[in-house]
């Protein structure tokens, strides 16, 4: 038996309950992990209110796609994963097999060995943020010296990961935040410039042009959408790309077609899931992140760690304005 947090409707995290379930045996191509730690993500919050790009097929359902744990059992056809090894999950849509509990059965294709020399908490905090940022920054925007990339809501873990990755590649990184007190954090993370956004940002595009010598930005890595997009599109360089991957503004943006025409720019609704499903791209991302971790060029920041029973408190904390940043993680105590 194991404990797991479940939801029975789309009422949000306040409706979660901690319940007991029998351990599930892994089927063909599957692995059962005894979960040591799982991390929270903004996508979890949206999914719990049915505002995500996917919906659950049925209830009760479990939340969470990012975890680390010890392999307890493997199903038929899984020959390269050993019992007792620590593995991390990769981003994917998990439907009713979320990681918010002590045990998880998952397809072996969505597992990778936990990075060497990292704790379980750290190993549960790697793949969502770094792979989400890796594909648009490295593979699609071609981050390199001379390229300029805008990262909105840059204090998010995926935003900070983009700054780290862009700095490693030599690109000029511009991060946004709503609060001046986040400036030093973002500069340390990898931002060359920080723009503090407010209720009115009529000068946003002008500021971006000034920072780029009038050239504009080559890419925007945008988790906000809403009205902010319309404030920076006037600073798109020729052939720029907008990677829209979140809705912190809660609404889909009105796509600014006129600005896209003028800059020959592309708007891409981006999901890391599509690249995880591509075997070649998935392997490239994992290899890049592992090498960068080993070299000390990127490193996860852990903000707070909660016990399993504190999952709802962890969700509340994630949704509050914070002066400290990094991953919010739940440690289950189920494996040592």
C-alpha atoms as a PDB file:
ATOM      1  CA  UNK A   1       0.000   0.000   0.000  1.00  0.00           C
ATOM      2  CA  UNK A   2       1.031   3.593  -0.535  1.00  0.00           C
ATOM      3  CA  UNK A   3      -0.332   7.077   0.031  1.00  0.00           C
ATOM      4  CA  UNK A   4      -1.102   9.467  -2.821  1.00  0.00           C
ATOM      5  CA  UNK A   5      -2.794  12.829  -3.259  1.00  0.00           C
ATOM      6  CA  UNK A   6      -5.797  12.678  -5.591  1.00  0.00           C
ATOM      7  CA  UNK A   7      -8.416  15.009  -7.019  1.00  0.00           C
ATOM      8  CA  UNK A   8     -11.979  14.100  -7.855  1.00  0.00           C
ATOM      9  CA  UNK A   9     -12.992  17.188  -9.819  1.00  0.00           C
ATOM     10  CA  UNK A  10     -11.491  20.384 -11.231  1.00  0.00           C
ATOM     11  CA  UNK A  11     -11.854  22.370  -8.009  1.00  0.00           C
ATOM     12  CA  UNK A  12      -8.153  23.184  -7.702  1.00  0.00           C
ATOM     13  CA  UNK A  13      -5.568  22.152  -5.131  1.00  0.00           C
ATOM     14  CA  UNK A  14      -7.778  22.947  -2.143  1.00  0.00           C
ATOM     15  CA  UNK A  15      -9.886  19.929  -3.144  1.00  0.00           C
ATOM     16  CA  UNK A  16      -7.013  17.426  -2.989  1.00  0.00           C
ATOM     17  CA  UNK A  17      -7.210  14.513  -0.558  1.00  0.00           C
ATOM     18  CA  UNK A  18      -4.484  12.155   0.687  1.00  0.00           C
ATOM     19  CA  UNK A  19      -5.641   8.540   0.315  1.00  0.00           C
ATOM     20  CA  UNK A  20      -4.339   4.970   0.494  1.00  0.00           C
ATOM     21  CA  UNK A  21      -3.961   2.830  -2.637  1.00  0.00           C
ATOM     22  CA  UNK A  22      -2.651  -0.664  -3.343  1.00  0.00           C
ATOM     23  CA  UNK A  23       0.701  -0.823  -5.099  1.00  0.00           C
ATOM     24  CA  UNK A  24       0.313  -1.345  -8.861  1.00  0.00           C
ATOM     25  CA  UNK A  25       2.308  -3.908 -10.769  1.00  0.00           C
ATOM     26  CA  UNK A  26       4.117  -2.544 -13.831  1.00  0.00           C
ATOM     27  CA  UNK A  27       2.965  -3.813 -17.193  1.00  0.00           C
ATOM     28  CA  UNK A  28       5.002  -4.330 -20.379  1.00  0.00           C
ATOM     29  CA  UNK A  29       7.538  -1.543 -20.814  1.00  0.00           C
ATOM     30  CA  UNK A  30       6.706  -0.047 -17.415  1.00  0.00           C
ATOM     31  CA  UNK A  31       8.582   0.626 -14.181  1.00  0.00           C
ATOM     32  CA  UNK A  32       7.400   1.135 -10.616  1.00  0.00           C
ATOM     33  CA  UNK A  33       9.214   3.788  -8.597  1.00  0.00           C
ATOM     34  CA  UNK A  34       9.085   4.279  -4.858  1.00  0.00           C
ATOM     35  CA  UNK A  35       8.906   8.068  -4.986  1.00  0.00           C
ATOM     36  CA  UNK A  36      11.398   9.934  -2.827  1.00  0.00           C
ATOM     37  CA  UNK A  37      10.468  13.455  -3.935  1.00  0.00           C
ATOM     38  CA  UNK A  38       8.243  15.212  -6.452  1.00  0.00           C
ATOM     39  CA  UNK A  39       8.299  18.819  -7.633  1.00  0.00           C
ATOM     40  CA  UNK A  40       5.456  21.260  -8.209  1.00  0.00           C
ATOM     41  CA  UNK A  41       4.918  23.061 -11.511  1.00  0.00           C
ATOM     42  CA  UNK A  42       2.587  25.791 -12.722  1.00  0.00           C
ATOM     43  CA  UNK A  43       1.118  23.367 -15.228  1.00  0.00           C
ATOM     44  CA  UNK A  44      -0.096  21.298 -12.270  1.00  0.00           C
ATOM     45  CA  UNK A  45      -2.017  24.304 -10.960  1.00  0.00           C
ATOM     46  CA  UNK A  46      -3.663  24.875 -14.346  1.00  0.00           C
ATOM     47  CA  UNK A  47      -4.510  21.203 -14.796  1.00  0.00           C
ATOM     48  CA  UNK A  48      -6.253  21.088 -11.431  1.00  0.00           C
ATOM     49  CA  UNK A  49      -8.641  23.772 -12.735  1.00  0.00           C
ATOM     50  CA  UNK A  50      -8.955  22.304 -16.257  1.00  0.00           C
ATOM     51  CA  UNK A  51      -7.046  25.216 -17.800  1.00  0.00           C
ATOM     52  CA  UNK A  52      -4.218  23.125 -19.224  1.00  0.00           C
ATOM     53  CA  UNK A  53      -3.633  21.944 -22.799  1.00  0.00           C
ATOM     54  CA  UNK A  54      -4.731  18.448 -21.685  1.00  0.00           C
ATOM     55  CA  UNK A  55      -7.556  17.229 -19.468  1.00  0.00           C
ATOM     56  CA  UNK A  56      -7.927  14.095 -17.360  1.00  0.00           C
ATOM     57  CA  UNK A  57      -9.752  11.190 -18.954  1.00  0.00           C
ATOM     58  CA  UNK A  58     -11.463  10.299 -15.666  1.00  0.00           C
ATOM     59  CA  UNK A  59     -11.441  10.819 -11.900  1.00  0.00           C
ATOM     60  CA  UNK A  60     -10.009  10.214  -9.362  1.00  0.00           C
ATOM     61  CA  UNK A  61      -6.736  11.506 -10.767  1.00  0.00           C
ATOM     62  CA  UNK A  62      -3.257  12.229  -9.486  1.00  0.00           C
ATOM     63  CA  UNK A  63      -1.235  15.364 -10.228  1.00  0.00           C
ATOM     64  CA  UNK A  64       2.444  15.692 -11.086  1.00  0.00           C
ATOM     65  CA  UNK A  65       4.931  14.765 -13.802  1.00  0.00           C
ATOM     66  CA  UNK A  66       8.255  15.493 -12.132  1.00  0.00           C
ATOM     67  CA  UNK A  67       9.683  13.094  -9.560  1.00  0.00           C
ATOM     68  CA  UNK A  68      12.660  11.049  -8.477  1.00  0.00           C
ATOM     69  CA  UNK A  69      12.593   7.650  -6.857  1.00  0.00           C
ATOM     70  CA  UNK A  70      14.027   4.194  -6.469  1.00  0.00           C
ATOM     71  CA  UNK A  71      13.149   1.454  -8.955  1.00  0.00           C
ATOM     72  CA  UNK A  72      11.115  -1.238  -7.155  1.00  0.00           C
ATOM     73  CA  UNK A  73       9.873  -3.346 -10.040  1.00  0.00           C
ATOM     74  CA  UNK A  74      10.049  -3.552 -13.816  1.00  0.00           C
ATOM     75  CA  UNK A  75       7.612  -4.991 -16.309  1.00  0.00           C
ATOM     76  CA  UNK A  76       8.224  -7.317 -19.219  1.00  0.00           C
ATOM     77  CA  UNK A  77      10.544  -5.868 -21.832  1.00  0.00           C
ATOM     78  CA  UNK A  78      12.402  -3.534 -19.451  1.00  0.00           C
ATOM     79  CA  UNK A  79      15.914  -4.956 -19.412  1.00  0.00           C
ATOM     80  CA  UNK A  80      18.116  -1.890 -19.014  1.00  0.00           C
ATOM     81  CA  UNK A  81      16.780  -0.445 -15.752  1.00  0.00           C
ATOM     82  CA  UNK A  82      18.015  -2.061 -12.555  1.00  0.00           C
ATOM     83  CA  UNK A  83      16.123  -2.579  -9.307  1.00  0.00           C
ATOM     84  CA  UNK A  84      17.389  -0.223  -6.609  1.00  0.00           C
ATOM     85  CA  UNK A  85      18.618   2.501  -8.979  1.00  0.00           C
ATOM     86  CA  UNK A  86      17.428   6.108  -8.669  1.00  0.00           C
ATOM     87  CA  UNK A  87      15.626   7.478 -11.717  1.00  0.00           C
ATOM     88  CA  UNK A  88      13.925  10.759 -12.577  1.00  0.00           C
ATOM     89  CA  UNK A  89      10.784  11.208 -14.629  1.00  0.00           C
ATOM     90  CA  UNK A  90      10.737  13.228 -17.855  1.00  0.00           C
ATOM     91  CA  UNK A  91       8.005  15.737 -18.747  1.00  0.00           C
ATOM     92  CA  UNK A  92       4.993  14.042 -20.320  1.00  0.00           C
ATOM     93  CA  UNK A  93       1.232  14.044 -20.018  1.00  0.00           C
ATOM     94  CA  UNK A  94       0.585  11.380 -17.429  1.00  0.00           C
ATOM     95  CA  UNK A  95      -3.254  11.405 -17.360  1.00  0.00           C
ATOM     96  CA  UNK A  96      -4.206   9.570 -14.131  1.00  0.00           C
ATOM     97  CA  UNK A  97      -0.709   8.413 -13.214  1.00  0.00           C
ATOM     98  CA  UNK A  98       0.622  11.522 -11.547  1.00  0.00           C
ATOM     99  CA  UNK A  99       3.622  11.526  -9.236  1.00  0.00           C
ATOM    100  CA  UNK A 100       2.043  13.134  -6.150  1.00  0.00           C
ATOM    101  CA  UNK A 101       2.451  10.140  -3.846  1.00  0.00           C
ATOM    102  CA  UNK A 102       4.732   7.420  -2.586  1.00  0.00           C
ATOM    103  CA  UNK A 103       4.545   5.093  -5.605  1.00  0.00           C
ATOM    104  CA  UNK A 104       4.344   5.583  -9.365  1.00  0.00           C
ATOM    105  CA  UNK A 105       4.069   3.238 -12.336  1.00  0.00           C
ATOM    106  CA  UNK A 106       5.397   4.924 -15.468  1.00  0.00           C
ATOM    107  CA  UNK A 107       6.505   3.980 -18.961  1.00  0.00           C
ATOM    108  CA  UNK A 108      10.252   3.386 -19.103  1.00  0.00           C
ATOM    109  CA  UNK A 109      10.517   5.835 -22.020  1.00  0.00           C
ATOM    110  CA  UNK A 110       9.701   8.662 -19.610  1.00  0.00           C
ATOM    111  CA  UNK A 111      12.527   7.803 -17.214  1.00  0.00           C
ATOM    112  CA  UNK A 112      16.184   8.742 -17.146  1.00  0.00           C
ATOM    113  CA  UNK A 113      18.896   7.951 -14.579  1.00  0.00           C
ATOM    114  CA  UNK A 114      19.014  10.587 -11.862  1.00  0.00           C
ATOM    115  CA  UNK A 115      21.977  12.918 -12.418  1.00  0.00           C
ATOM    116  CA  UNK A 116      25.099  11.835 -10.571  1.00  0.00           C
ATOM    117  CA  UNK A 117      25.866  13.456  -7.233  1.00  0.00           C
ATOM    118  CA  UNK A 118      22.428  15.051  -6.860  1.00  0.00           C
ATOM    119  CA  UNK A 119      20.039  14.364  -4.008  1.00  0.00           C
ATOM    120  CA  UNK A 120      16.546  12.982  -4.566  1.00  0.00           C
ATOM    121  CA  UNK A 121      15.079  16.469  -4.072  1.00  0.00           C
ATOM    122  CA  UNK A 122      17.465  17.928  -6.648  1.00  0.00           C
ATOM    123  CA  UNK A 123      16.921  15.023  -9.043  1.00  0.00           C
ATOM    124  CA  UNK A 124      13.173  15.707  -8.922  1.00  0.00           C
ATOM    125  CA  UNK A 125      13.802  19.331  -9.921  1.00  0.00           C
ATOM    126  CA  UNK A 126      15.781  19.054 -13.153  1.00  0.00           C
ATOM    127  CA  UNK A 127      13.943  17.937 -16.216  1.00  0.00           C
ATOM    128  CA  UNK A 128      10.809  20.037 -16.409  1.00  0.00           C
ATOM    129  CA  UNK A 129      12.602  23.359 -16.110  1.00  0.00           C
ATOM    130  CA  UNK A 130      15.704  22.598 -18.149  1.00  0.00           C
ATOM    131  CA  UNK A 131      14.138  20.621 -20.986  1.00  0.00           C
ATOM    132  CA  UNK A 132      11.271  23.112 -21.286  1.00  0.00           C
ATOM    133  CA  UNK A 133      13.874  25.843 -21.814  1.00  0.00           C
ATOM    134  CA  UNK A 134      16.435  23.826 -23.788  1.00  0.00           C
ATOM    135  CA  UNK A 135      14.444  23.199 -26.980  1.00  0.00           C
ATOM    136  CA  UNK A 136      13.273  26.766 -27.711  1.00  0.00           C
ATOM    137  CA  UNK A 137      16.511  28.420 -26.564  1.00  0.00           C
ATOM    138  CA  UNK A 138      19.096  26.044 -28.068  1.00  0.00           C
ATOM    139  CA  UNK A 139      17.426  24.027 -30.828  1.00  0.00           C
ATOM    140  CA  UNK A 140      14.909  26.541 -32.151  1.00  0.00           C
ATOM    141  CA  UNK A 141      16.169  30.039 -31.322  1.00  0.00           C
ATOM    142  CA  UNK A 142      19.790  28.946 -31.926  1.00  0.00           C
ATOM    143  CA  UNK A 143      21.159  30.791 -28.901  1.00  0.00           C
ATOM    144  CA  UNK A 144      24.681  32.039 -29.644  1.00  0.00           C
ATOM    145  CA  UNK A 145      26.715  35.253 -29.454  1.00  0.00           C
ATOM    146  CA  UNK A 146      24.834  37.967 -31.309  1.00  0.00           C
ATOM    147  CA  UNK A 147      21.391  36.456 -30.682  1.00  0.00           C
ATOM    148  CA  UNK A 148      19.008  38.251 -28.304  1.00  0.00           C
ATOM    149  CA  UNK A 149      16.312  36.348 -26.389  1.00  0.00           C
ATOM    150  CA  UNK A 150      13.554  37.807 -24.217  1.00  0.00           C
ATOM    151  CA  UNK A 151      12.374  35.707 -21.255  1.00  0.00           C
ATOM    152  CA  UNK A 152       9.104  36.832 -19.670  1.00  0.00           C
ATOM    153  CA  UNK A 153       8.300  36.015 -16.034  1.00  0.00           C
ATOM    154  CA  UNK A 154      11.961  35.129 -15.734  1.00  0.00           C
ATOM    155  CA  UNK A 155      11.845  34.283 -12.016  1.00  0.00           C
ATOM    156  CA  UNK A 156       9.860  31.132 -12.794  1.00  0.00           C
ATOM    157  CA  UNK A 157      11.996  28.001 -12.769  1.00  0.00           C
ATOM    158  CA  UNK A 158      11.567  27.548 -16.530  1.00  0.00           C
ATOM    159  CA  UNK A 159      12.402  31.228 -17.031  1.00  0.00           C
ATOM    160  CA  UNK A 160      15.525  31.051 -14.901  1.00  0.00           C
ATOM    161  CA  UNK A 161      16.553  27.866 -16.717  1.00  0.00           C
ATOM    162  CA  UNK A 162      16.310  29.763 -20.019  1.00  0.00           C
ATOM    163  CA  UNK A 163      18.583  32.492 -18.656  1.00  0.00           C
ATOM    164  CA  UNK A 164      21.131  29.918 -17.498  1.00  0.00           C
ATOM    165  CA  UNK A 165      21.069  28.069 -20.805  1.00  0.00           C
ATOM    166  CA  UNK A 166      21.221  31.233 -22.880  1.00  0.00           C
ATOM    167  CA  UNK A 167      24.198  32.524 -20.887  1.00  0.00           C
ATOM    168  CA  UNK A 168      26.029  29.219 -21.432  1.00  0.00           C
ATOM    169  CA  UNK A 169      25.426  29.566 -25.188  1.00  0.00           C
ATOM    170  CA  UNK A 170      26.621  33.184 -25.279  1.00  0.00           C
ATOM    171  CA  UNK A 171      23.301  34.803 -26.234  1.00  0.00           C
ATOM    172  CA  UNK A 172      22.188  38.157 -24.863  1.00  0.00           C
ATOM    173  CA  UNK A 173      19.397  37.379 -22.409  1.00  0.00           C
ATOM    174  CA  UNK A 174      16.728  39.872 -21.323  1.00  0.00           C
ATOM    175  CA  UNK A 175      14.476  38.892 -18.414  1.00  0.00           C
ATOM    176  CA  UNK A 176      11.265  40.486 -17.187  1.00  0.00           C
ATOM    177  CA  UNK A 177       9.839  40.627 -13.688  1.00  0.00           C
ATOM    178  CA  UNK A 178       7.041  42.519 -11.986  1.00  0.00           C
ATOM    179  CA  UNK A 179       9.202  43.463  -9.015  1.00  0.00           C
ATOM    180  CA  UNK A 180      12.403  45.480  -8.753  1.00  0.00           C
ATOM    181  CA  UNK A 181      13.655  43.318  -5.882  1.00  0.00           C
ATOM    182  CA  UNK A 182      14.099  40.407  -8.320  1.00  0.00           C
ATOM    183  CA  UNK A 183      16.683  42.232 -10.427  1.00  0.00           C
ATOM    184  CA  UNK A 184      19.802  40.940  -8.666  1.00  0.00           C
ATOM    185  CA  UNK A 185      18.497  37.357  -8.677  1.00  0.00           C
ATOM    186  CA  UNK A 186      17.915  37.448 -12.430  1.00  0.00           C
ATOM    187  CA  UNK A 187      21.256  39.048 -13.182  1.00  0.00           C
ATOM    188  CA  UNK A 188      22.986  36.323 -11.201  1.00  0.00           C
ATOM    189  CA  UNK A 189      20.942  33.656 -13.003  1.00  0.00           C
ATOM    190  CA  UNK A 190      22.126  34.809 -16.415  1.00  0.00           C
ATOM    191  CA  UNK A 191      20.239  37.925 -17.504  1.00  0.00           C
ATOM    192  CA  UNK A 192      22.262  40.602 -19.277  1.00  0.00           C
ATOM    193  CA  UNK A 193      19.385  43.030 -18.816  1.00  0.00           C
ATOM    194  CA  UNK A 194      16.282  43.056 -16.604  1.00  0.00           C
ATOM    195  CA  UNK A 195      13.094  44.950 -17.382  1.00  0.00           C
ATOM    196  CA  UNK A 196      10.610  45.543 -14.577  1.00  0.00           C
ATOM    197  CA  UNK A 197       7.104  45.396 -16.022  1.00  0.00           C
ATOM    198  CA  UNK A 198       4.097  47.059 -14.446  1.00  0.00           C
ATOM    199  CA  UNK A 199       0.458  47.791 -15.126  1.00  0.00           C
ATOM    200  CA  UNK A 200       1.380  50.007 -18.069  1.00  0.00           C
ATOM    201  CA  UNK A 201       4.331  49.163 -20.303  1.00  0.00           C
ATOM    202  CA  UNK A 202       3.857  51.488 -23.230  1.00  0.00           C
ATOM    203  CA  UNK A 203       7.616  51.908 -23.489  1.00  0.00           C
ATOM    204  CA  UNK A 204       8.448  48.187 -23.388  1.00  0.00           C
ATOM    205  CA  UNK A 205       9.215  47.822 -27.097  1.00  0.00           C
ATOM    206  CA  UNK A 206      11.238  51.042 -27.100  1.00  0.00           C
ATOM    207  CA  UNK A 207      13.305  49.788 -24.160  1.00  0.00           C
ATOM    208  CA  UNK A 208      14.000  46.514 -25.951  1.00  0.00           C
ATOM    209  CA  UNK A 209      15.076  48.373 -29.063  1.00  0.00           C
ATOM    210  CA  UNK A 210      17.360  50.609 -27.029  1.00  0.00           C
ATOM    211  CA  UNK A 211      18.969  47.581 -25.374  1.00  0.00           C
ATOM    212  CA  UNK A 212      19.577  45.954 -28.761  1.00  0.00           C
ATOM    213  CA  UNK A 213      20.826  49.001 -30.629  1.00  0.00           C
ATOM    214  CA  UNK A 214      17.566  49.231 -32.546  1.00  0.00           C
ATOM    215  CA  UNK A 215      17.799  45.696 -33.914  1.00  0.00           C
ATOM    216  CA  UNK A 216      15.188  44.061 -31.686  1.00  0.00           C
ATOM    217  CA  UNK A 217      14.895  40.577 -30.178  1.00  0.00           C
ATOM    218  CA  UNK A 218      15.422  37.334 -32.071  1.00  0.00           C
ATOM    219  CA  UNK A 219      13.113  35.283 -29.856  1.00  0.00           C
ATOM    220  CA  UNK A 220      10.669  35.585 -26.987  1.00  0.00           C
ATOM    221  CA  UNK A 221      10.236  32.750 -24.505  1.00  0.00           C
ATOM    222  CA  UNK A 222       6.855  33.744 -23.139  1.00  0.00           C
ATOM    223  CA  UNK A 223       4.927  32.163 -20.286  1.00  0.00           C
ATOM    224  CA  UNK A 224       2.589  35.127 -19.763  1.00  0.00           C
ATOM    225  CA  UNK A 225       0.683  35.691 -22.974  1.00  0.00           C
ATOM    226  CA  UNK A 226      -2.239  38.042 -22.438  1.00  0.00           C
ATOM    227  CA  UNK A 227      -1.472  41.682 -22.982  1.00  0.00           C
ATOM    228  CA  UNK A 228       2.299  41.596 -22.518  1.00  0.00           C
ATOM    229  CA  UNK A 229       2.876  40.068 -25.932  1.00  0.00           C
ATOM    230  CA  UNK A 230       1.301  43.052 -27.633  1.00  0.00           C
ATOM    231  CA  UNK A 231       3.712  45.319 -25.765  1.00  0.00           C
ATOM    232  CA  UNK A 232       6.926  43.669 -26.946  1.00  0.00           C
ATOM    233  CA  UNK A 233       6.040  42.639 -30.520  1.00  0.00           C
ATOM    234  CA  UNK A 234       7.045  46.094 -31.754  1.00  0.00           C
ATOM    235  CA  UNK A 235      10.623  45.089 -30.944  1.00  0.00           C
ATOM    236  CA  UNK A 236      10.791  41.835 -32.918  1.00  0.00           C
ATOM    237  CA  UNK A 237      13.843  41.512 -35.130  1.00  0.00           C
ATOM    238  CA  UNK A 238      13.445  40.167 -38.651  1.00  0.00           C
ATOM    239  CA  UNK A 239      12.558  36.443 -38.646  1.00  0.00           C
ATOM    240  CA  UNK A 240      12.015  36.438 -34.871  1.00  0.00           C
ATOM    241  CA  UNK A 241      10.128  33.658 -33.135  1.00  0.00           C
ATOM    242  CA  UNK A 242       7.709  33.796 -30.230  1.00  0.00           C
ATOM    243  CA  UNK A 243       7.546  30.634 -28.123  1.00  0.00           C
ATOM    244  CA  UNK A 244       4.303  30.794 -26.155  1.00  0.00           C
ATOM    245  CA  UNK A 245       4.355  28.127 -23.453  1.00  0.00           C
ATOM    246  CA  UNK A 246       2.216  29.327 -20.537  1.00  0.00           C
ATOM    247  CA  UNK A 247      -0.757  31.445 -19.560  1.00  0.00           C
ATOM    248  CA  UNK A 248       0.115  33.267 -16.360  1.00  0.00           C
ATOM    249  CA  UNK A 249      -2.324  35.951 -17.551  1.00  0.00           C
ATOM    250  CA  UNK A 250      -5.009  33.209 -17.565  1.00  0.00           C
ATOM    251  CA  UNK A 251      -6.153  34.063 -21.088  1.00  0.00           C
ATOM    252  CA  UNK A 252      -4.938  33.065 -24.525  1.00  0.00           C
ATOM    253  CA  UNK A 253      -3.262  36.020 -26.205  1.00  0.00           C
ATOM    254  CA  UNK A 254      -4.673  37.791 -29.205  1.00  0.00           C
ATOM    255  CA  UNK A 255      -2.023  36.956 -31.792  1.00  0.00           C
ATOM    256  CA  UNK A 256      -0.542  40.252 -33.100  1.00  0.00           C
ATOM    257  CA  UNK A 257      -0.636  39.375 -36.775  1.00  0.00           C
ATOM    258  CA  UNK A 258       0.321  42.843 -38.044  1.00  0.00           C
ATOM    259  CA  UNK A 259       3.589  42.828 -36.103  1.00  0.00           C
ATOM    260  CA  UNK A 260       4.312  39.265 -37.236  1.00  0.00           C
ATOM    261  CA  UNK A 261       3.819  40.275 -40.874  1.00  0.00           C
ATOM    262  CA  UNK A 262       6.115  43.260 -40.466  1.00  0.00           C
ATOM    263  CA  UNK A 263       8.929  41.211 -38.903  1.00  0.00           C
ATOM    264  CA  UNK A 264       8.400  37.999 -40.870  1.00  0.00           C
ATOM    265  CA  UNK A 265       8.091  36.471 -37.389  1.00  0.00           C
ATOM    266  CA  UNK A 266       6.635  33.147 -36.301  1.00  0.00           C
ATOM    267  CA  UNK A 267       4.313  32.486 -33.379  1.00  0.00           C
ATOM    268  CA  UNK A 268       4.698  28.964 -31.967  1.00  0.00           C
ATOM    269  CA  UNK A 269       2.440  27.413 -29.348  1.00  0.00           C
ATOM    270  CA  UNK A 270       5.186  25.454 -27.657  1.00  0.00           C
ATOM    271  CA  UNK A 271       4.980  22.350 -25.467  1.00  0.00           C
ATOM    272  CA  UNK A 272       8.016  20.411 -24.286  1.00  0.00           C
ATOM    273  CA  UNK A 273       5.922  17.225 -24.469  1.00  0.00           C
ATOM    274  CA  UNK A 274       6.209  17.219 -28.271  1.00  0.00           C
ATOM    275  CA  UNK A 275       9.996  17.113 -28.088  1.00  0.00           C
ATOM    276  CA  UNK A 276      10.068  14.414 -25.408  1.00  0.00           C
ATOM    277  CA  UNK A 277       7.959  12.265 -27.743  1.00  0.00           C
ATOM    278  CA  UNK A 278      10.638  12.652 -30.458  1.00  0.00           C
ATOM    279  CA  UNK A 279      13.291  10.069 -29.559  1.00  0.00           C
ATOM    280  CA  UNK A 280      16.153  11.950 -31.207  1.00  0.00           C
ATOM    281  CA  UNK A 281      15.259  15.312 -29.679  1.00  0.00           C
ATOM    282  CA  UNK A 282      14.638  13.740 -26.282  1.00  0.00           C
ATOM    283  CA  UNK A 283      18.080  12.129 -26.274  1.00  0.00           C
ATOM    284  CA  UNK A 284      19.745  15.383 -27.367  1.00  0.00           C
ATOM    285  CA  UNK A 285      18.091  17.335 -24.562  1.00  0.00           C
ATOM    286  CA  UNK A 286      18.962  14.793 -21.886  1.00  0.00           C
ATOM    287  CA  UNK A 287      22.577  14.643 -23.046  1.00  0.00           C
ATOM    288  CA  UNK A 288      22.927  18.444 -23.126  1.00  0.00           C
ATOM    289  CA  UNK A 289      21.449  18.929 -19.662  1.00  0.00           C
ATOM    290  CA  UNK A 290      23.499  16.117 -18.113  1.00  0.00           C
ATOM    291  CA  UNK A 291      26.722  17.547 -19.523  1.00  0.00           C
ATOM    292  CA  UNK A 292      25.869  21.064 -18.355  1.00  0.00           C
ATOM    293  CA  UNK A 293      25.033  19.767 -14.870  1.00  0.00           C
ATOM    294  CA  UNK A 294      28.271  17.785 -14.675  1.00  0.00           C
ATOM    295  CA  UNK A 295      30.264  20.858 -15.715  1.00  0.00           C
ATOM    296  CA  UNK A 296      28.548  23.041 -13.116  1.00  0.00           C
ATOM    297  CA  UNK A 297      27.190  25.356 -15.837  1.00  0.00           C
ATOM    298  CA  UNK A 298      23.589  24.912 -14.676  1.00  0.00           C
ATOM    299  CA  UNK A 299      22.283  23.926 -11.269  1.00  0.00           C
ATOM    300  CA  UNK A 300      18.788  23.588  -9.786  1.00  0.00           C
ATOM    301  CA  UNK A 301      17.790  26.001  -7.038  1.00  0.00           C
ATOM    302  CA  UNK A 302      15.506  24.595  -4.335  1.00  0.00           C
ATOM    303  CA  UNK A 303      13.289  27.154  -2.647  1.00  0.00           C
ATOM    304  CA  UNK A 304      11.313  25.053  -0.141  1.00  0.00           C
ATOM    305  CA  UNK A 305      10.800  21.387   0.687  1.00  0.00           C
ATOM    306  CA  UNK A 306       7.528  20.156   2.217  1.00  0.00           C
ATOM    307  CA  UNK A 307       6.566  16.763   3.679  1.00  0.00           C
ATOM    308  CA  UNK A 308       3.997  14.639   1.859  1.00  0.00           C
ATOM    309  CA  UNK A 309       1.241  15.786   4.193  1.00  0.00           C
ATOM    310  CA  UNK A 310       2.080  19.414   3.330  1.00  0.00           C
ATOM    311  CA  UNK A 311       1.324  19.200  -0.388  1.00  0.00           C
ATOM    312  CA  UNK A 312      -1.621  21.621  -0.228  1.00  0.00           C
ATOM    313  CA  UNK A 313       0.496  24.086   1.747  1.00  0.00           C
ATOM    314  CA  UNK A 314       3.183  23.724  -0.928  1.00  0.00           C
ATOM    315  CA  UNK A 315       0.614  24.526  -3.623  1.00  0.00           C
ATOM    316  CA  UNK A 316      -0.517  27.612  -1.706  1.00  0.00           C
ATOM    317  CA  UNK A 317       3.072  28.767  -1.395  1.00  0.00           C
ATOM    318  CA  UNK A 318       3.757  28.251  -5.110  1.00  0.00           C
ATOM    319  CA  UNK A 319       0.873  30.533  -6.069  1.00  0.00           C
ATOM    320  CA  UNK A 320       1.914  33.400  -3.773  1.00  0.00           C
ATOM    321  CA  UNK A 321       4.259  36.264  -4.762  1.00  0.00           C
ATOM    322  CA  UNK A 322       7.712  35.227  -3.516  1.00  0.00           C
ATOM    323  CA  UNK A 323      10.940  37.000  -2.671  1.00  0.00           C
ATOM    324  CA  UNK A 324      12.849  33.720  -2.886  1.00  0.00           C
ATOM    325  CA  UNK A 325      12.833  31.538  -5.961  1.00  0.00           C
ATOM    326  CA  UNK A 326      13.495  28.021  -7.164  1.00  0.00           C
ATOM    327  CA  UNK A 327      11.736  24.711  -7.089  1.00  0.00           C
ATOM    328  CA  UNK A 328       9.070  23.852  -4.531  1.00  0.00           C
ATOM    329  CA  UNK A 329       9.414  20.153  -3.750  1.00  0.00           C
ATOM    330  CA  UNK A 330       7.580  17.540  -1.678  1.00  0.00           C
ATOM    331  CA  UNK A 331       9.674  14.880  -0.008  1.00  0.00           C
ATOM    332  CA  UNK A 332       7.661  11.738   0.660  1.00  0.00           C
ATOM    333  CA  UNK A 333       9.889   9.891   3.134  1.00  0.00           C
ATOM    334  CA  UNK A 334       8.824   6.703   1.360  1.00  0.00           C
ATOM    335  CA  UNK A 335      12.312   5.640   0.281  1.00  0.00           C
ATOM    336  CA  UNK A 336      15.719   6.134   1.803  1.00  0.00           C
END
